Amino acid sequence: LNYLHSYTSPPHVHKDLNLSNILLDGDL
């Protein structure tokens, strides 16, 4: 989120952060 808010140009808001929209890779 910090990258999305502070380091993208322009900054972006995700607007739909929830458990289903967080994915876990092979290392969790």
mmCIF file of all heavy atoms, coordinates in Angstrom:
data_MODEL
# 
_entry.id   MODEL 
# 
loop_
_atom_site.group_PDB 
_atom_site.id 
_atom_site.type_symbol 
_atom_site.label_atom_id 
_atom_site.label_alt_id 
_atom_site.label_comp_id 
_atom_site.label_asym_id 
_atom_site.label_entity_id 
_atom_site.label_seq_id 
_atom_site.pdbx_PDB_ins_code 
_atom_site.Cartn_x 
_atom_site.Cartn_y 
_atom_site.Cartn_z 
_atom_site.occupancy 
_atom_site.B_iso_or_equiv 
_atom_site.pdbx_formal_charge 
_atom_site.auth_seq_id 
_atom_site.auth_comp_id 
_atom_site.auth_asym_id 
_atom_site.auth_atom_id 
_atom_site.pdbx_PDB_model_num 
ATOM 1   N N   . LEU A 1 1  ? 0.829   -1.211  0.000   1.00 0.00 ? 1  LEU A N   1 
ATOM 2   C CA  . LEU A 1 1  ? 0.000   0.000   0.000   1.00 0.00 ? 1  LEU A CA  1 
ATOM 3   C C   . LEU A 1 1  ? 0.861   1.256   0.000   1.00 0.00 ? 1  LEU A C   1 
ATOM 4   O O   . LEU A 1 1  ? 0.548   2.246   -0.671  1.00 0.00 ? 1  LEU A O   1 
ATOM 5   C CB  . LEU A 1 1  ? -0.908  0.015   1.225   1.00 0.00 ? 1  LEU A CB  1 
ATOM 6   C CG  . LEU A 1 1  ? -2.242  -0.718  1.148   1.00 0.00 ? 1  LEU A CG  1 
ATOM 7   C CD1 . LEU A 1 1  ? -3.026  -0.499  2.431   1.00 0.00 ? 1  LEU A CD1 1 
ATOM 8   C CD2 . LEU A 1 1  ? -3.060  -0.265  -0.051  1.00 0.00 ? 1  LEU A CD2 1 
ATOM 9   N N   . ASN A 1 2  ? 1.947   1.219   0.783   1.00 0.00 ? 2  ASN A N   1 
ATOM 10  C CA  . ASN A 1 2  ? 2.830   2.382   0.844   1.00 0.00 ? 2  ASN A CA  1 
ATOM 11  C C   . ASN A 1 2  ? 3.416   2.691   -0.530  1.00 0.00 ? 2  ASN A C   1 
ATOM 12  O O   . ASN A 1 2  ? 3.527   3.863   -0.924  1.00 0.00 ? 2  ASN A O   1 
ATOM 13  C CB  . ASN A 1 2  ? 3.952   2.122   1.855   1.00 0.00 ? 2  ASN A CB  1 
ATOM 14  C CG  . ASN A 1 2  ? 4.728   3.381   2.179   1.00 0.00 ? 2  ASN A CG  1 
ATOM 15  O OD1 . ASN A 1 2  ? 4.164   4.468   2.300   1.00 0.00 ? 2  ASN A OD1 1 
ATOM 16  N ND2 . ASN A 1 2  ? 6.046   3.256   2.317   1.00 0.00 ? 2  ASN A ND2 1 
ATOM 17  N N   . TYR A 1 3  ? 3.761   1.643   -1.273  1.00 0.00 ? 3  TYR A N   1 
ATOM 18  C CA  . TYR A 1 3  ? 4.265   1.846   -2.633  1.00 0.00 ? 3  TYR A CA  1 
ATOM 19  C C   . TYR A 1 3  ? 3.170   2.456   -3.513  1.00 0.00 ? 3  TYR A C   1 
ATOM 20  O O   . TYR A 1 3  ? 3.415   3.403   -4.278  1.00 0.00 ? 3  TYR A O   1 
ATOM 21  C CB  . TYR A 1 3  ? 4.719   0.510   -3.223  1.00 0.00 ? 3  TYR A CB  1 
ATOM 22  C CG  . TYR A 1 3  ? 5.169   0.586   -4.664  1.00 0.00 ? 3  TYR A CG  1 
ATOM 23  C CD1 . TYR A 1 3  ? 6.461   0.950   -4.999  1.00 0.00 ? 3  TYR A CD1 1 
ATOM 24  C CD2 . TYR A 1 3  ? 4.273   0.297   -5.697  1.00 0.00 ? 3  TYR A CD2 1 
ATOM 25  C CE1 . TYR A 1 3  ? 6.861   1.026   -6.323  1.00 0.00 ? 3  TYR A CE1 1 
ATOM 26  C CE2 . TYR A 1 3  ? 4.665   0.362   -7.026  1.00 0.00 ? 3  TYR A CE2 1 
ATOM 27  C CZ  . TYR A 1 3  ? 5.963   0.733   -7.331  1.00 0.00 ? 3  TYR A CZ  1 
ATOM 28  O OH  . TYR A 1 3  ? 6.354   0.816   -8.646  1.00 0.00 ? 3  TYR A OH  1 
ATOM 29  N N   . LEU A 1 4  ? 1.951   1.949   -3.385  1.00 0.00 ? 4  LEU A N   1 
ATOM 30  C CA  . LEU A 1 4  ? 0.839   2.427   -4.207  1.00 0.00 ? 4  LEU A CA  1 
ATOM 31  C C   . LEU A 1 4  ? 0.519   3.888   -3.897  1.00 0.00 ? 4  LEU A C   1 
ATOM 32  O O   . LEU A 1 4  ? 0.246   4.689   -4.799  1.00 0.00 ? 4  LEU A O   1 
ATOM 33  C CB  . LEU A 1 4  ? -0.387  1.553   -3.951  1.00 0.00 ? 4  LEU A CB  1 
ATOM 34  C CG  . LEU A 1 4  ? -1.487  1.517   -5.008  1.00 0.00 ? 4  LEU A CG  1 
ATOM 35  C CD1 . LEU A 1 4  ? -0.969  0.978   -6.328  1.00 0.00 ? 4  LEU A CD1 1 
ATOM 36  C CD2 . LEU A 1 4  ? -2.655  0.669   -4.510  1.00 0.00 ? 4  LEU A CD2 1 
ATOM 37  N N   . HIS A 1 5  ? 0.570   4.245   -2.599  1.00 0.00 ? 5  HIS A N   1 
ATOM 38  C CA  . HIS A 1 5  ? 0.207   5.599   -2.183  1.00 0.00 ? 5  HIS A CA  1 
ATOM 39  C C   . HIS A 1 5  ? 1.327   6.610   -2.403  1.00 0.00 ? 5  HIS A C   1 
ATOM 40  O O   . HIS A 1 5  ? 1.051   7.782   -2.677  1.00 0.00 ? 5  HIS A O   1 
ATOM 41  C CB  . HIS A 1 5  ? -0.157  5.613   -0.697  1.00 0.00 ? 5  HIS A CB  1 
ATOM 42  C CG  . HIS A 1 5  ? -1.446  4.922   -0.384  1.00 0.00 ? 5  HIS A CG  1 
ATOM 43  N ND1 . HIS A 1 5  ? -1.953  4.833   0.904   1.00 0.00 ? 5  HIS A ND1 1 
ATOM 44  C CD2 . HIS A 1 5  ? -2.343  4.272   -1.171  1.00 0.00 ? 5  HIS A CD2 1 
ATOM 45  C CE1 . HIS A 1 5  ? -3.095  4.165   0.881   1.00 0.00 ? 5  HIS A CE1 1 
ATOM 46  N NE2 . HIS A 1 5  ? -3.349  3.801   -0.365  1.00 0.00 ? 5  HIS A NE2 1 
ATOM 47  N N   . SER A 1 6  ? 2.563   6.176   -2.266  1.00 0.00 ? 6  SER A N   1 
ATOM 48  C CA  . SER A 1 6  ? 3.668   7.138   -2.199  1.00 0.00 ? 6  SER A CA  1 
ATOM 49  C C   . SER A 1 6  ? 4.651   7.081   -3.358  1.00 0.00 ? 6  SER A C   1 
ATOM 50  O O   . SER A 1 6  ? 5.384   8.052   -3.592  1.00 0.00 ? 6  SER A O   1 
ATOM 51  C CB  . SER A 1 6  ? 4.453   6.938   -0.893  1.00 0.00 ? 6  SER A CB  1 
ATOM 52  O OG  . SER A 1 6  ? 3.601   7.002   0.231   1.00 0.00 ? 6  SER A OG  1 
ATOM 53  N N   . TYR A 1 7  ? 4.684   5.967   -4.089  1.00 0.00 ? 7  TYR A N   1 
ATOM 54  C CA  . TYR A 1 7  ? 5.751   5.818   -5.072  1.00 0.00 ? 7  TYR A CA  1 
ATOM 55  C C   . TYR A 1 7  ? 5.258   5.573   -6.498  1.00 0.00 ? 7  TYR A C   1 
ATOM 56  O O   . TYR A 1 7  ? 6.074   5.439   -7.411  1.00 0.00 ? 7  TYR A O   1 
ATOM 57  C CB  . TYR A 1 7  ? 6.694   4.681   -4.647  1.00 0.00 ? 7  TYR A CB  1 
ATOM 58  C CG  . TYR A 1 7  ? 7.381   4.971   -3.331  1.00 0.00 ? 7  TYR A CG  1 
ATOM 59  C CD1 . TYR A 1 7  ? 6.909   4.428   -2.144  1.00 0.00 ? 7  TYR A CD1 1 
ATOM 60  C CD2 . TYR A 1 7  ? 8.473   5.830   -3.272  1.00 0.00 ? 7  TYR A CD2 1 
ATOM 61  C CE1 . TYR A 1 7  ? 7.516   4.706   -0.932  1.00 0.00 ? 7  TYR A CE1 1 
ATOM 62  C CE2 . TYR A 1 7  ? 9.091   6.116   -2.073  1.00 0.00 ? 7  TYR A CE2 1 
ATOM 63  C CZ  . TYR A 1 7  ? 8.609   5.554   -0.902  1.00 0.00 ? 7  TYR A CZ  1 
ATOM 64  O OH  . TYR A 1 7  ? 9.225   5.845   0.294   1.00 0.00 ? 7  TYR A OH  1 
ATOM 65  N N   . THR A 1 8  ? 3.951   5.486   -6.711  1.00 0.00 ? 8  THR A N   1 
ATOM 66  C CA  . THR A 1 8  ? 3.448   5.436   -8.084  1.00 0.00 ? 8  THR A CA  1 
ATOM 67  C C   . THR A 1 8  ? 3.166   6.862   -8.530  1.00 0.00 ? 8  THR A C   1 
ATOM 68  O O   . THR A 1 8  ? 2.930   7.753   -7.709  1.00 0.00 ? 8  THR A O   1 
ATOM 69  C CB  . THR A 1 8  ? 2.164   4.602   -8.192  1.00 0.00 ? 8  THR A CB  1 
ATOM 70  O OG1 . THR A 1 8  ? 1.160   5.153   -7.323  1.00 0.00 ? 8  THR A OG1 1 
ATOM 71  C CG2 . THR A 1 8  ? 2.417   3.157   -7.802  1.00 0.00 ? 8  THR A CG2 1 
ATOM 72  N N   . SER A 1 9  ? 3.212   7.086   -9.823  1.00 0.00 ? 9  SER A N   1 
ATOM 73  C CA  . SER A 1 9  ? 2.976   8.428   -10.353 1.00 0.00 ? 9  SER A CA  1 
ATOM 74  C C   . SER A 1 9  ? 1.878   8.387   -11.418 1.00 0.00 ? 9  SER A C   1 
ATOM 75  O O   . SER A 1 9  ? 2.092   7.853   -12.506 1.00 0.00 ? 9  SER A O   1 
ATOM 76  C CB  . SER A 1 9  ? 4.265   8.993   -10.956 1.00 0.00 ? 9  SER A CB  1 
ATOM 77  O OG  . SER A 1 9  ? 4.056   10.308  -11.421 1.00 0.00 ? 9  SER A OG  1 
ATOM 78  N N   . PRO A 1 10 ? 0.676   8.937   -11.091 1.00 0.00 ? 10 PRO A N   1 
ATOM 79  C CA  . PRO A 1 10 ? 0.310   9.562   -9.823  1.00 0.00 ? 10 PRO A CA  1 
ATOM 80  C C   . PRO A 1 10 ? 0.033   8.504   -8.757  1.00 0.00 ? 10 PRO A C   1 
ATOM 81  O O   . PRO A 1 10 ? -0.092  7.321   -9.074  1.00 0.00 ? 10 PRO A O   1 
ATOM 82  C CB  . PRO A 1 10 ? -0.982  10.315  -10.178 1.00 0.00 ? 10 PRO A CB  1 
ATOM 83  C CG  . PRO A 1 10 ? -1.597  9.485   -11.255 1.00 0.00 ? 10 PRO A CG  1 
ATOM 84  C CD  . PRO A 1 10 ? -0.441  8.973   -12.073 1.00 0.00 ? 10 PRO A CD  1 
ATOM 85  N N   . PRO A 1 11 ? -0.066  8.926   -7.478  1.00 0.00 ? 11 PRO A N   1 
ATOM 86  C CA  . PRO A 1 11 ? -0.430  7.977   -6.421  1.00 0.00 ? 11 PRO A CA  1 
ATOM 87  C C   . PRO A 1 11 ? -1.798  7.361   -6.699  1.00 0.00 ? 11 PRO A C   1 
ATOM 88  O O   . PRO A 1 11 ? -2.644  7.980   -7.357  1.00 0.00 ? 11 PRO A O   1 
ATOM 89  C CB  . PRO A 1 11 ? -0.471  8.855   -5.160  1.00 0.00 ? 11 PRO A CB  1 
ATOM 90  C CG  . PRO A 1 11 ? 0.340   10.061  -5.500  1.00 0.00 ? 11 PRO A CG  1 
ATOM 91  C CD  . PRO A 1 11 ? 0.146   10.286  -6.959  1.00 0.00 ? 11 PRO A CD  1 
ATOM 92  N N   . HIS A 1 12 ? -2.010  6.155   -6.200  1.00 0.00 ? 12 HIS A N   1 
ATOM 93  C CA  . HIS A 1 12 ? -3.280  5.462   -6.434  1.00 0.00 ? 12 HIS A CA  1 
ATOM 94  C C   . HIS A 1 12 ? -3.893  4.970   -5.123  1.00 0.00 ? 12 HIS A C   1 
ATOM 95  O O   . HIS A 1 12 ? -3.184  4.687   -4.153  1.00 0.00 ? 12 HIS A O   1 
ATOM 96  C CB  . HIS A 1 12 ? -3.080  4.270   -7.367  1.00 0.00 ? 12 HIS A CB  1 
ATOM 97  C CG  . HIS A 1 12 ? -3.124  4.636   -8.817  1.00 0.00 ? 12 HIS A CG  1 
ATOM 98  N ND1 . HIS A 1 12 ? -2.099  5.307   -9.448  1.00 0.00 ? 12 HIS A ND1 1 
ATOM 99  C CD2 . HIS A 1 12 ? -4.099  4.451   -9.768  1.00 0.00 ? 12 HIS A CD2 1 
ATOM 100 C CE1 . HIS A 1 12 ? -2.412  5.497   -10.718 1.00 0.00 ? 12 HIS A CE1 1 
ATOM 101 N NE2 . HIS A 1 12 ? -3.618  4.996   -10.935 1.00 0.00 ? 12 HIS A NE2 1 
ATOM 102 N N   . VAL A 1 13 ? -5.219  4.892   -5.123  1.00 0.00 ? 13 VAL A N   1 
ATOM 103 C CA  . VAL A 1 13 ? -5.984  4.298   -4.027  1.00 0.00 ? 13 VAL A CA  1 
ATOM 104 C C   . VAL A 1 13 ? -6.535  2.971   -4.534  1.00 0.00 ? 13 VAL A C   1 
ATOM 105 O O   . VAL A 1 13 ? -7.127  2.915   -5.611  1.00 0.00 ? 13 VAL A O   1 
ATOM 106 C CB  . VAL A 1 13 ? -7.147  5.218   -3.596  1.00 0.00 ? 13 VAL A CB  1 
ATOM 107 C CG1 . VAL A 1 13 ? -7.910  4.602   -2.432  1.00 0.00 ? 13 VAL A CG1 1 
ATOM 108 C CG2 . VAL A 1 13 ? -6.631  6.600   -3.226  1.00 0.00 ? 13 VAL A CG2 1 
ATOM 109 N N   . HIS A 1 14 ? -6.345  1.900   -3.766  1.00 0.00 ? 14 HIS A N   1 
ATOM 110 C CA  . HIS A 1 14 ? -6.808  0.583   -4.212  1.00 0.00 ? 14 HIS A CA  1 
ATOM 111 C C   . HIS A 1 14 ? -8.329  0.491   -4.186  1.00 0.00 ? 14 HIS A C   1 
ATOM 112 O O   . HIS A 1 14 ? -8.948  -0.031  -5.108  1.00 0.00 ? 14 HIS A O   1 
ATOM 113 C CB  . HIS A 1 14 ? -6.203  -0.512  -3.323  1.00 0.00 ? 14 HIS A CB  1 
ATOM 114 C CG  . HIS A 1 14 ? -6.510  -1.898  -3.776  1.00 0.00 ? 14 HIS A CG  1 
ATOM 115 N ND1 . HIS A 1 14 ? -7.687  -2.544  -3.440  1.00 0.00 ? 14 HIS A ND1 1 
ATOM 116 C CD2 . HIS A 1 14 ? -5.811  -2.773  -4.542  1.00 0.00 ? 14 HIS A CD2 1 
ATOM 117 C CE1 . HIS A 1 14 ? -7.697  -3.751  -3.998  1.00 0.00 ? 14 HIS A CE1 1 
ATOM 118 N NE2 . HIS A 1 14 ? -6.565  -3.920  -4.653  1.00 0.00 ? 14 HIS A NE2 1 
ATOM 119 N N   . LYS A 1 15 ? -8.958  0.962   -3.109  1.00 0.00 ? 15 LYS A N   1 
ATOM 120 C CA  . LYS A 1 15 ? -10.403 1.066   -2.951  1.00 0.00 ? 15 LYS A CA  1 
ATOM 121 C C   . LYS A 1 15 ? -11.132 -0.251  -2.682  1.00 0.00 ? 15 LYS A C   1 
ATOM 122 O O   . LYS A 1 15 ? -12.333 -0.237  -2.446  1.00 0.00 ? 15 LYS A O   1 
ATOM 123 C CB  . LYS A 1 15 ? -11.065 1.748   -4.161  1.00 0.00 ? 15 LYS A CB  1 
ATOM 124 C CG  . LYS A 1 15 ? -10.883 3.255   -4.206  1.00 0.00 ? 15 LYS A CG  1 
ATOM 125 C CD  . LYS A 1 15 ? -11.737 3.874   -5.298  1.00 0.00 ? 15 LYS A CD  1 
ATOM 126 C CE  . LYS A 1 15 ? -13.198 3.737   -4.959  1.00 0.00 ? 15 LYS A CE  1 
ATOM 127 N NZ  . LYS A 1 15 ? -14.064 4.302   -6.016  1.00 0.00 ? 15 LYS A NZ  1 
ATOM 128 N N   . ASP A 1 16 ? -10.449 -1.379  -2.733  1.00 0.00 ? 16 ASP A N   1 
ATOM 129 C CA  . ASP A 1 16 ? -11.159 -2.642  -2.465  1.00 0.00 ? 16 ASP A CA  1 
ATOM 130 C C   . ASP A 1 16 ? -10.251 -3.625  -1.735  1.00 0.00 ? 16 ASP A C   1 
ATOM 131 O O   . ASP A 1 16 ? -10.163 -4.796  -2.090  1.00 0.00 ? 16 ASP A O   1 
ATOM 132 C CB  . ASP A 1 16 ? -11.675 -3.245  -3.767  1.00 0.00 ? 16 ASP A CB  1 
ATOM 133 C CG  . ASP A 1 16 ? -12.751 -4.301  -3.527  1.00 0.00 ? 16 ASP A CG  1 
ATOM 134 O OD1 . ASP A 1 16 ? -13.342 -4.299  -2.436  1.00 0.00 ? 16 ASP A OD1 1 
ATOM 135 O OD2 . ASP A 1 16 ? -13.000 -5.131  -4.415  1.00 0.00 ? 16 ASP A OD2 1 
ATOM 136 N N   . LEU A 1 17 ? -9.589  -3.143  -0.694  1.00 0.00 ? 17 LEU A N   1 
ATOM 137 C CA  . LEU A 1 17 ? -8.698  -3.993  0.092   1.00 0.00 ? 17 LEU A CA  1 
ATOM 138 C C   . LEU A 1 17 ? -9.540  -4.907  0.976   1.00 0.00 ? 17 LEU A C   1 
ATOM 139 O O   . LEU A 1 17 ? -10.367 -4.440  1.761   1.00 0.00 ? 17 LEU A O   1 
ATOM 140 C CB  . LEU A 1 17 ? -7.788  -3.113  0.947   1.00 0.00 ? 17 LEU A CB  1 
ATOM 141 C CG  . LEU A 1 17 ? -6.513  -3.737  1.498   1.00 0.00 ? 17 LEU A CG  1 
ATOM 142 C CD1 . LEU A 1 17 ? -5.551  -4.072  0.375   1.00 0.00 ? 17 LEU A CD1 1 
ATOM 143 C CD2 . LEU A 1 17 ? -5.858  -2.792  2.494   1.00 0.00 ? 17 LEU A CD2 1 
ATOM 144 N N   . ASN A 1 18 ? -9.372  -6.216  0.848   1.00 0.00 ? 18 ASN A N   1 
ATOM 145 C CA  . ASN A 1 18 ? -10.070 -7.169  1.703   1.00 0.00 ? 18 ASN A CA  1 
ATOM 146 C C   . ASN A 1 18 ? -9.329  -8.500  1.691   1.00 0.00 ? 18 ASN A C   1 
ATOM 147 O O   . ASN A 1 18 ? -8.367  -8.679  0.939   1.00 0.00 ? 18 ASN A O   1 
ATOM 148 C CB  . ASN A 1 18 ? -11.526 -7.346  1.256   1.00 0.00 ? 18 ASN A CB  1 
ATOM 149 C CG  . ASN A 1 18 ? -11.657 -7.848  -0.157  1.00 0.00 ? 18 ASN A CG  1 
ATOM 150 O OD1 . ASN A 1 18 ? -11.171 -8.929  -0.501  1.00 0.00 ? 18 ASN A OD1 1 
ATOM 151 N ND2 . ASN A 1 18 ? -12.316 -7.073  -1.014  1.00 0.00 ? 18 ASN A ND2 1 
ATOM 152 N N   . LEU A 1 19 ? -9.766  -9.440  2.515   1.00 0.00 ? 19 LEU A N   1 
ATOM 153 C CA  . LEU A 1 19 ? -9.069  -10.722 2.656   1.00 0.00 ? 19 LEU A CA  1 
ATOM 154 C C   . LEU A 1 19 ? -8.939  -11.468 1.334   1.00 0.00 ? 19 LEU A C   1 
ATOM 155 O O   . LEU A 1 19 ? -7.920  -12.105 1.063   1.00 0.00 ? 19 LEU A O   1 
ATOM 156 C CB  . LEU A 1 19 ? -9.806  -11.606 3.662   1.00 0.00 ? 19 LEU A CB  1 
ATOM 157 C CG  . LEU A 1 19 ? -9.658  -11.271 5.145   1.00 0.00 ? 19 LEU A CG  1 
ATOM 158 C CD1 . LEU A 1 19 ? -10.555 -12.170 5.970   1.00 0.00 ? 19 LEU A CD1 1 
ATOM 159 C CD2 . LEU A 1 19 ? -8.212  -11.411 5.602   1.00 0.00 ? 19 LEU A CD2 1 
ATOM 160 N N   . SER A 1 20 ? -9.981  -11.403 0.500   1.00 0.00 ? 20 SER A N   1 
ATOM 161 C CA  . SER A 1 20 ? -9.959  -12.149 -0.761  1.00 0.00 ? 20 SER A CA  1 
ATOM 162 C C   . SER A 1 20 ? -9.024  -11.541 -1.785  1.00 0.00 ? 20 SER A C   1 
ATOM 163 O O   . SER A 1 20 ? -8.594  -12.221 -2.719  1.00 0.00 ? 20 SER A O   1 
ATOM 164 C CB  . SER A 1 20 ? -11.379 -12.230 -1.335  1.00 0.00 ? 20 SER A CB  1 
ATOM 165 O OG  . SER A 1 20 ? -12.232 -12.939 -0.465  1.00 0.00 ? 20 SER A OG  1 
ATOM 166 N N   . ASN A 1 21 ? -8.720  -10.242 -1.644  1.00 0.00 ? 21 ASN A N   1 
ATOM 167 C CA  . ASN A 1 21 ? -7.840  -9.572  -2.588  1.00 0.00 ? 21 ASN A CA  1 
ATOM 168 C C   . ASN A 1 21 ? -6.391  -9.520  -2.120  1.00 0.00 ? 21 ASN A C   1 
ATOM 169 O O   . ASN A 1 21 ? -5.579  -8.785  -2.688  1.00 0.00 ? 21 ASN A O   1 
ATOM 170 C CB  . ASN A 1 21 ? -8.356  -8.153  -2.874  1.00 0.00 ? 21 ASN A CB  1 
ATOM 171 C CG  . ASN A 1 21 ? -9.603  -8.164  -3.729  1.00 0.00 ? 21 ASN A CG  1 
ATOM 172 O OD1 . ASN A 1 21 ? -9.854  -9.122  -4.456  1.00 0.00 ? 21 ASN A OD1 1 
ATOM 173 N ND2 . ASN A 1 21 ? -10.395 -7.107  -3.652  1.00 0.00 ? 21 ASN A ND2 1 
ATOM 174 N N   . ILE A 1 22 ? -6.059  -10.280 -1.086  1.00 0.00 ? 22 ILE A N   1 
ATOM 175 C CA  . ILE A 1 22 ? -4.672  -10.473 -0.662  1.00 0.00 ? 22 ILE A CA  1 
ATOM 176 C C   . ILE A 1 22 ? -4.317  -11.926 -0.962  1.00 0.00 ? 22 ILE A C   1 
ATOM 177 O O   . ILE A 1 22 ? -4.938  -12.848 -0.434  1.00 0.00 ? 22 ILE A O   1 
ATOM 178 C CB  . ILE A 1 22 ? -4.488  -10.190 0.844   1.00 0.00 ? 22 ILE A CB  1 
ATOM 179 C CG1 . ILE A 1 22 ? -4.997  -8.794  1.209   1.00 0.00 ? 22 ILE A CG1 1 
ATOM 180 C CG2 . ILE A 1 22 ? -3.024  -10.362 1.229   1.00 0.00 ? 22 ILE A CG2 1 
ATOM 181 C CD1 . ILE A 1 22 ? -4.310  -7.665  0.474   1.00 0.00 ? 22 ILE A CD1 1 
ATOM 182 N N   . LEU A 1 23 ? -3.331  -12.124 -1.835  1.00 0.00 ? 23 LEU A N   1 
ATOM 183 C CA  . LEU A 1 23 ? -2.925  -13.471 -2.235  1.00 0.00 ? 23 LEU A CA  1 
ATOM 184 C C   . LEU A 1 23 ? -1.591  -13.832 -1.585  1.00 0.00 ? 23 LEU A C   1 
ATOM 185 O O   . LEU A 1 23 ? -0.740  -12.957 -1.363  1.00 0.00 ? 23 LEU A O   1 
ATOM 186 C CB  . LEU A 1 23 ? -2.811  -13.550 -3.760  1.00 0.00 ? 23 LEU A CB  1 
ATOM 187 C CG  . LEU A 1 23 ? -4.077  -13.183 -4.548  1.00 0.00 ? 23 LEU A CG  1 
ATOM 188 C CD1 . LEU A 1 23 ? -3.819  -13.311 -6.048  1.00 0.00 ? 23 LEU A CD1 1 
ATOM 189 C CD2 . LEU A 1 23 ? -5.259  -14.045 -4.135  1.00 0.00 ? 23 LEU A CD2 1 
ATOM 190 N N   . LEU A 1 24 ? -1.422  -15.121 -1.310  1.00 0.00 ? 24 LEU A N   1 
ATOM 191 C CA  . LEU A 1 24 ? -0.205  -15.603 -0.658  1.00 0.00 ? 24 LEU A CA  1 
ATOM 192 C C   . LEU A 1 24 ? 0.585   -16.477 -1.623  1.00 0.00 ? 24 LEU A C   1 
ATOM 193 O O   . LEU A 1 24 ? 0.032   -17.400 -2.234  1.00 0.00 ? 24 LEU A O   1 
ATOM 194 C CB  . LEU A 1 24 ? -0.556  -16.415 0.594   1.00 0.00 ? 24 LEU A CB  1 
ATOM 195 C CG  . LEU A 1 24 ? -1.389  -15.691 1.660   1.00 0.00 ? 24 LEU A CG  1 
ATOM 196 C CD1 . LEU A 1 24 ? -1.700  -16.640 2.818   1.00 0.00 ? 24 LEU A CD1 1 
ATOM 197 C CD2 . LEU A 1 24 ? -0.667  -14.448 2.167   1.00 0.00 ? 24 LEU A CD2 1 
ATOM 198 N N   . ASP A 1 25 ? 1.875   -16.198 -1.753  1.00 0.00 ? 25 ASP A N   1 
ATOM 199 C CA  . ASP A 1 25 ? 2.707   -16.990 -2.656  1.00 0.00 ? 25 ASP A CA  1 
ATOM 200 C C   . ASP A 1 25 ? 3.177   -18.264 -1.947  1.00 0.00 ? 25 ASP A C   1 
ATOM 201 O O   . ASP A 1 25 ? 2.729   -18.598 -0.847  1.00 0.00 ? 25 ASP A O   1 
ATOM 202 C CB  . ASP A 1 25 ? 3.874   -16.162 -3.197  1.00 0.00 ? 25 ASP A CB  1 
ATOM 203 C CG  . ASP A 1 25 ? 4.889   -15.772 -2.117  1.00 0.00 ? 25 ASP A CG  1 
ATOM 204 O OD1 . ASP A 1 25 ? 4.798   -16.289 -0.974  1.00 0.00 ? 25 ASP A OD1 1 
ATOM 205 O OD2 . ASP A 1 25 ? 5.778   -14.951 -2.414  1.00 0.00 ? 25 ASP A OD2 1 
ATOM 206 N N   . GLY A 1 26 ? 4.112   -18.992 -2.570  1.00 0.00 ? 26 GLY A N   1 
ATOM 207 C CA  . GLY A 1 26 ? 4.584   -20.255 -2.016  1.00 0.00 ? 26 GLY A CA  1 
ATOM 208 C C   . GLY A 1 26 ? 5.255   -20.118 -0.675  1.00 0.00 ? 26 GLY A C   1 
ATOM 209 O O   . GLY A 1 26 ? 5.315   -21.080 0.109   1.00 0.00 ? 26 GLY A O   1 
ATOM 210 N N   . ASP A 1 27 ? 5.769   -18.932 -0.357  1.00 0.00 ? 27 ASP A N   1 
ATOM 211 C CA  . ASP A 1 27 ? 6.423   -18.680 0.923   1.00 0.00 ? 27 ASP A CA  1 
ATOM 212 C C   . ASP A 1 27 ? 5.513   -17.959 1.909   1.00 0.00 ? 27 ASP A C   1 
ATOM 213 O O   . ASP A 1 27 ? 5.991   -17.420 2.919   1.00 0.00 ? 27 ASP A O   1 
ATOM 214 C CB  . ASP A 1 27 ? 7.694   -17.850 0.704   1.00 0.00 ? 27 ASP A CB  1 
ATOM 215 C CG  . ASP A 1 27 ? 8.717   -18.576 -0.156  1.00 0.00 ? 27 ASP A CG  1 
ATOM 216 O OD1 . ASP A 1 27 ? 8.871   -19.801 0.041   1.00 0.00 ? 27 ASP A OD1 1 
ATOM 217 O OD2 . ASP A 1 27 ? 9.336   -17.924 -1.027  1.00 0.00 ? 27 ASP A OD2 1 
ATOM 218 N N   . LEU A 1 28 ? 4.216   -17.904 1.599   1.00 0.00 ? 28 LEU A N   1 
ATOM 219 C CA  . LEU A 1 28 ? 3.223   -17.222 2.431   1.00 0.00 ? 28 LEU A CA  1 
ATOM 220 C C   . LEU A 1 28 ? 3.496   -15.729 2.563   1.00 0.00 ? 28 LEU A C   1 
ATOM 221 O O   . LEU A 1 28 ? 3.177   -15.110 3.589   1.00 0.00 ? 28 LEU A O   1 
ATOM 222 C CB  . LEU A 1 28 ? 3.133   -17.878 3.825   1.00 0.00 ? 28 LEU A CB  1 
ATOM 223 C CG  . LEU A 1 28 ? 2.612   -19.319 3.853   1.00 0.00 ? 28 LEU A CG  1 
ATOM 224 C CD1 . LEU A 1 28 ? 2.680   -19.874 5.274   1.00 0.00 ? 28 LEU A CD1 1 
ATOM 225 C CD2 . LEU A 1 28 ? 1.176   -19.384 3.345   1.00 0.00 ? 28 LEU A CD2 1 
# 
